[in-house]
Amino acid sequence: MKESTAQLGYVRRAGARSALRAVPPESQSESPSDALKSASQRRTGLRGYGIQVEEDELGSVTAQCVYRLRCECGRSWFELELPQLVQCPACLRLNLVTI
C-alpha cells in the first residue's frame, strides 16, 4: 500500500464549508462606561468585527488508490498497484494493461 502526505496549501473538511465566519461590527453608540471596559472584559461579551478563527487538532489521513481492471472476457477485479501484465482470474489469459 502506498502512503501519501498532504501539503498544508489547501486543506478543507470533507463535506463542510470553511470554518471562517464573518462577524458583524459592534454598534457605534457605546456609553462612556462601556468604553472604559478592558479588552479582556469586552471579549466575554460582544465580539468585535472581523474574522473568527477556531483552532482544531491536526489529524492524519491515509489515501489509497484502487484500480479496477476488466478483462475482455468480462471479468473485473480490483488491484492496489497498476501492473503492466496481469493474468485474468476467470479465463487465466495473460493481458497487457492499458489506461
N, C-alpha and C. Protein backbone atom coordinates (compact mmCIF):
# COMPACT_ATOMS: atom_id res chain seq x y z
N MET A 1 0.84 -1.16 0.00
CA MET A 1 0.00 0.00 0.00
C MET A 1 0.89 1.24 0.00
N LYS A 2 0.57 2.19 -0.87
CA LYS A 2 1.33 3.43 -0.93
C LYS A 2 0.71 4.44 0.02
N GLU A 3 1.54 5.23 0.67
CA GLU A 3 1.05 6.27 1.57
C GLU A 3 1.37 7.62 0.96
N SER A 4 0.47 8.56 1.08
CA SER A 4 0.65 9.92 0.58
C SER A 4 0.48 10.88 1.73
N THR A 5 1.18 12.00 1.66
CA THR A 5 1.02 13.03 2.68
C THR A 5 0.45 14.27 2.03
N ALA A 6 -0.31 15.04 2.78
CA ALA A 6 -0.96 16.24 2.25
C ALA A 6 -0.10 17.45 2.55
N GLN A 7 -0.07 18.39 1.60
CA GLN A 7 0.57 19.68 1.82
C GLN A 7 -0.44 20.57 2.51
N LEU A 8 0.00 21.52 3.29
CA LEU A 8 -0.90 22.41 4.02
C LEU A 8 -1.37 23.58 3.17
N GLY A 9 -1.18 23.56 1.85
CA GLY A 9 -1.61 24.66 1.00
C GLY A 9 -3.11 24.77 0.91
N TYR A 10 -3.81 23.68 0.66
CA TYR A 10 -5.26 23.70 0.51
C TYR A 10 -5.83 22.60 1.36
N VAL A 11 -6.44 22.96 2.48
CA VAL A 11 -6.99 21.99 3.41
C VAL A 11 -8.45 22.32 3.63
N ARG A 12 -9.34 21.31 3.57
CA ARG A 12 -10.74 21.54 3.88
C ARG A 12 -11.34 20.27 4.44
N ARG A 13 -12.41 20.43 5.16
CA ARG A 13 -13.11 19.28 5.72
C ARG A 13 -13.95 18.65 4.63
N ALA A 14 -14.07 17.35 4.67
CA ALA A 14 -14.90 16.66 3.70
C ALA A 14 -16.36 16.98 3.97
N GLY A 15 -17.03 17.54 2.99
CA GLY A 15 -18.45 17.84 3.12
C GLY A 15 -18.77 19.04 3.98
N ALA A 16 -17.78 19.86 4.32
CA ALA A 16 -18.04 21.01 5.18
C ALA A 16 -17.52 22.28 4.52
N ARG A 17 -18.10 23.38 4.90
CA ARG A 17 -17.64 24.67 4.40
C ARG A 17 -16.49 25.17 5.26
N SER A 18 -15.92 26.29 4.89
CA SER A 18 -14.81 26.86 5.63
C SER A 18 -15.23 27.20 7.04
N ALA A 19 -14.31 27.08 7.99
CA ALA A 19 -14.60 27.36 9.39
C ALA A 19 -14.51 28.86 9.70
N LEU A 20 -14.14 29.68 8.71
CA LEU A 20 -14.05 31.11 8.94
C LEU A 20 -15.43 31.73 8.78
N ARG A 21 -15.80 32.57 9.73
CA ARG A 21 -17.10 33.23 9.68
C ARG A 21 -16.92 34.73 9.90
N ALA A 22 -17.65 35.53 9.15
CA ALA A 22 -17.62 36.98 9.33
C ALA A 22 -18.55 37.34 10.48
N VAL A 23 -18.10 38.24 11.33
CA VAL A 23 -18.88 38.68 12.49
C VAL A 23 -19.24 40.14 12.25
N PRO A 24 -20.51 40.54 12.43
CA PRO A 24 -20.89 41.94 12.20
C PRO A 24 -20.21 42.87 13.19
N PRO A 25 -19.97 44.12 12.80
CA PRO A 25 -19.31 45.07 13.70
C PRO A 25 -20.21 45.44 14.86
N GLU A 26 -19.55 45.85 15.97
CA GLU A 26 -20.29 46.31 17.15
C GLU A 26 -20.98 47.63 16.82
N SER A 27 -22.03 47.92 17.57
CA SER A 27 -22.71 49.20 17.35
C SER A 27 -21.80 50.35 17.78
N GLN A 28 -21.92 51.48 17.10
CA GLN A 28 -21.05 52.62 17.38
C GLN A 28 -21.56 53.47 18.55
N SER A 29 -22.78 53.22 19.05
CA SER A 29 -23.35 54.02 20.13
C SER A 29 -23.01 53.40 21.48
N GLU A 30 -21.75 53.51 21.89
CA GLU A 30 -21.33 52.98 23.18
C GLU A 30 -21.40 54.09 24.22
N SER A 31 -21.80 53.71 25.42
CA SER A 31 -21.80 54.68 26.50
C SER A 31 -20.37 54.85 27.01
N PRO A 32 -20.07 55.93 27.72
CA PRO A 32 -18.71 56.12 28.24
C PRO A 32 -18.27 55.00 29.18
N SER A 33 -19.20 54.41 29.92
CA SER A 33 -18.81 53.33 30.82
C SER A 33 -18.39 52.08 30.02
N ASP A 34 -19.05 51.86 28.87
CA ASP A 34 -18.67 50.72 28.02
C ASP A 34 -17.29 50.94 27.41
N ALA A 35 -16.95 52.19 27.12
CA ALA A 35 -15.66 52.49 26.53
C ALA A 35 -14.52 52.24 27.51
N LEU A 36 -14.81 52.28 28.80
CA LEU A 36 -13.76 52.08 29.80
C LEU A 36 -13.49 50.61 30.12
N LYS A 37 -14.32 49.72 29.61
CA LYS A 37 -14.09 48.29 29.87
C LYS A 37 -12.77 47.85 29.25
N SER A 38 -12.12 46.95 29.91
CA SER A 38 -10.86 46.45 29.36
C SER A 38 -11.15 45.50 28.20
N ALA A 39 -10.14 45.22 27.42
CA ALA A 39 -10.30 44.36 26.24
C ALA A 39 -10.68 42.94 26.66
N SER A 40 -10.16 42.47 27.78
CA SER A 40 -10.49 41.11 28.22
C SER A 40 -11.94 41.00 28.66
N GLN A 41 -12.47 42.07 29.29
CA GLN A 41 -13.88 42.06 29.69
C GLN A 41 -14.78 42.14 28.46
N ARG A 42 -14.36 42.89 27.44
CA ARG A 42 -15.16 43.02 26.23
C ARG A 42 -15.23 41.71 25.44
N ARG A 43 -14.18 40.90 25.53
CA ARG A 43 -14.17 39.62 24.81
C ARG A 43 -15.23 38.67 25.33
N THR A 44 -15.54 38.76 26.62
CA THR A 44 -16.54 37.85 27.18
C THR A 44 -17.95 38.23 26.73
N GLY A 45 -18.18 39.48 26.38
CA GLY A 45 -19.49 39.94 25.92
C GLY A 45 -19.59 39.84 24.41
N LEU A 46 -19.88 40.97 23.78
CA LEU A 46 -19.99 41.01 22.32
C LEU A 46 -18.60 40.89 21.70
N ARG A 47 -18.56 40.25 20.56
CA ARG A 47 -17.28 40.11 19.86
C ARG A 47 -17.10 41.28 18.91
N GLY A 48 -15.87 41.61 18.61
CA GLY A 48 -15.57 42.69 17.68
C GLY A 48 -15.79 42.24 16.25
N TYR A 49 -15.72 43.16 15.34
CA TYR A 49 -15.89 42.81 13.93
C TYR A 49 -14.63 42.13 13.43
N GLY A 50 -14.76 41.40 12.36
CA GLY A 50 -13.61 40.73 11.77
C GLY A 50 -13.90 39.27 11.49
N ILE A 51 -12.87 38.44 11.51
CA ILE A 51 -12.99 37.03 11.20
C ILE A 51 -12.75 36.23 12.47
N GLN A 52 -13.64 35.31 12.75
CA GLN A 52 -13.50 34.45 13.91
C GLN A 52 -12.73 33.21 13.49
N VAL A 53 -11.64 32.90 14.18
CA VAL A 53 -10.79 31.77 13.85
C VAL A 53 -10.87 30.74 14.96
N GLU A 54 -11.08 29.48 14.59
CA GLU A 54 -11.12 28.39 15.56
C GLU A 54 -9.96 27.46 15.32
N GLU A 55 -9.37 26.96 16.41
CA GLU A 55 -8.27 26.01 16.30
C GLU A 55 -8.79 24.61 16.51
N ASP A 56 -8.22 23.66 15.80
CA ASP A 56 -8.55 22.25 15.92
C ASP A 56 -7.25 21.45 15.88
N GLU A 57 -7.31 20.24 16.39
CA GLU A 57 -6.13 19.38 16.30
C GLU A 57 -5.99 18.89 14.87
N LEU A 58 -4.75 18.76 14.40
CA LEU A 58 -4.47 18.28 13.06
C LEU A 58 -4.31 16.77 13.10
N GLY A 59 -5.11 16.08 12.31
CA GLY A 59 -5.05 14.62 12.24
C GLY A 59 -4.31 14.17 10.99
N SER A 60 -4.39 12.90 10.73
CA SER A 60 -3.71 12.32 9.58
C SER A 60 -4.66 11.41 8.83
N VAL A 61 -4.62 11.46 7.51
CA VAL A 61 -5.46 10.62 6.66
C VAL A 61 -4.55 9.90 5.68
N THR A 62 -4.78 8.62 5.51
CA THR A 62 -4.02 7.84 4.55
C THR A 62 -4.87 7.63 3.31
N ALA A 63 -4.33 7.99 2.15
CA ALA A 63 -5.04 7.82 0.88
C ALA A 63 -4.58 6.53 0.21
N GLN A 64 -5.51 5.88 -0.44
CA GLN A 64 -5.18 4.64 -1.13
C GLN A 64 -5.85 4.67 -2.50
N CYS A 65 -5.07 4.43 -3.53
CA CYS A 65 -5.58 4.42 -4.90
C CYS A 65 -5.90 2.98 -5.26
N VAL A 66 -7.11 2.75 -5.79
CA VAL A 66 -7.55 1.40 -6.16
C VAL A 66 -7.86 1.40 -7.65
N TYR A 67 -7.32 0.43 -8.38
CA TYR A 67 -7.55 0.30 -9.81
C TYR A 67 -8.54 -0.83 -10.07
N ARG A 68 -9.52 -0.56 -10.93
CA ARG A 68 -10.47 -1.59 -11.35
C ARG A 68 -10.03 -2.08 -12.72
N LEU A 69 -9.69 -3.36 -12.80
CA LEU A 69 -9.25 -3.96 -14.06
C LEU A 69 -10.40 -4.79 -14.63
N ARG A 70 -10.50 -4.82 -15.96
CA ARG A 70 -11.57 -5.58 -16.62
C ARG A 70 -10.98 -6.31 -17.81
N CYS A 71 -11.14 -7.62 -17.83
CA CYS A 71 -10.64 -8.46 -18.91
C CYS A 71 -11.62 -8.43 -20.09
N GLU A 72 -11.15 -8.83 -21.26
CA GLU A 72 -12.03 -8.92 -22.44
C GLU A 72 -13.12 -9.97 -22.27
N CYS A 73 -12.91 -10.94 -21.39
CA CYS A 73 -13.92 -11.96 -21.14
C CYS A 73 -15.08 -11.44 -20.29
N GLY A 74 -14.93 -10.23 -19.72
CA GLY A 74 -15.99 -9.63 -18.93
C GLY A 74 -15.74 -9.63 -17.44
N ARG A 75 -14.77 -10.37 -16.97
CA ARG A 75 -14.45 -10.45 -15.53
C ARG A 75 -13.73 -9.19 -15.10
N SER A 76 -14.14 -8.60 -13.98
CA SER A 76 -13.45 -7.43 -13.43
C SER A 76 -13.01 -7.71 -12.01
N TRP A 77 -11.96 -7.04 -11.58
CA TRP A 77 -11.40 -7.18 -10.24
C TRP A 77 -10.63 -5.91 -9.91
N PHE A 78 -10.21 -5.79 -8.67
CA PHE A 78 -9.52 -4.60 -8.19
C PHE A 78 -8.08 -4.93 -7.82
N GLU A 79 -7.18 -3.97 -8.08
CA GLU A 79 -5.76 -4.07 -7.72
C GLU A 79 -5.34 -2.78 -7.03
N LEU A 80 -4.39 -2.88 -6.09
CA LEU A 80 -3.87 -1.70 -5.40
C LEU A 80 -2.77 -1.02 -6.19
N GLU A 81 -2.05 -1.78 -7.02
CA GLU A 81 -1.00 -1.23 -7.87
C GLU A 81 -1.35 -1.53 -9.32
N LEU A 82 -0.93 -0.67 -10.23
CA LEU A 82 -1.25 -0.84 -11.64
C LEU A 82 -0.15 -1.66 -12.30
N PRO A 83 -0.42 -2.95 -12.59
CA PRO A 83 0.59 -3.79 -13.22
C PRO A 83 0.62 -3.55 -14.74
N GLN A 84 1.70 -3.98 -15.39
CA GLN A 84 1.78 -3.89 -16.86
C GLN A 84 1.17 -5.12 -17.50
N LEU A 85 1.44 -6.28 -16.90
CA LEU A 85 0.86 -7.54 -17.37
C LEU A 85 0.12 -8.19 -16.21
N VAL A 86 -1.05 -8.75 -16.50
CA VAL A 86 -1.83 -9.37 -15.45
C VAL A 86 -2.56 -10.59 -16.02
N GLN A 87 -2.72 -11.61 -15.17
CA GLN A 87 -3.44 -12.81 -15.59
C GLN A 87 -4.87 -12.73 -15.04
N CYS A 88 -5.85 -12.91 -15.93
CA CYS A 88 -7.25 -12.84 -15.55
C CYS A 88 -7.58 -14.01 -14.63
N PRO A 89 -8.25 -13.75 -13.50
CA PRO A 89 -8.60 -14.84 -12.60
C PRO A 89 -9.68 -15.78 -13.16
N ALA A 90 -10.46 -15.33 -14.14
CA ALA A 90 -11.53 -16.16 -14.69
C ALA A 90 -11.04 -17.03 -15.85
N CYS A 91 -10.49 -16.40 -16.90
CA CYS A 91 -10.09 -17.16 -18.10
C CYS A 91 -8.61 -17.52 -18.11
N LEU A 92 -7.83 -17.04 -17.12
CA LEU A 92 -6.40 -17.31 -16.96
C LEU A 92 -5.58 -16.84 -18.15
N ARG A 93 -6.10 -15.89 -18.90
CA ARG A 93 -5.43 -15.32 -20.06
C ARG A 93 -4.48 -14.21 -19.60
N LEU A 94 -3.30 -14.11 -20.18
CA LEU A 94 -2.34 -13.05 -19.86
C LEU A 94 -2.74 -11.81 -20.65
N ASN A 95 -2.89 -10.69 -19.97
CA ASN A 95 -3.35 -9.44 -20.60
C ASN A 95 -2.38 -8.32 -20.36
N LEU A 96 -2.25 -7.43 -21.35
CA LEU A 96 -1.48 -6.20 -21.24
C LEU A 96 -2.43 -5.13 -20.71
N VAL A 97 -2.04 -4.43 -19.64
CA VAL A 97 -2.90 -3.43 -19.02
C VAL A 97 -2.69 -2.10 -19.74
N THR A 98 -3.79 -1.50 -20.21
CA THR A 98 -3.76 -0.18 -20.83
C THR A 98 -4.69 0.75 -20.08
N ILE A 99 -4.41 2.03 -20.19
CA ILE A 99 -5.25 3.03 -19.50
C ILE A 99 -6.17 3.69 -20.50
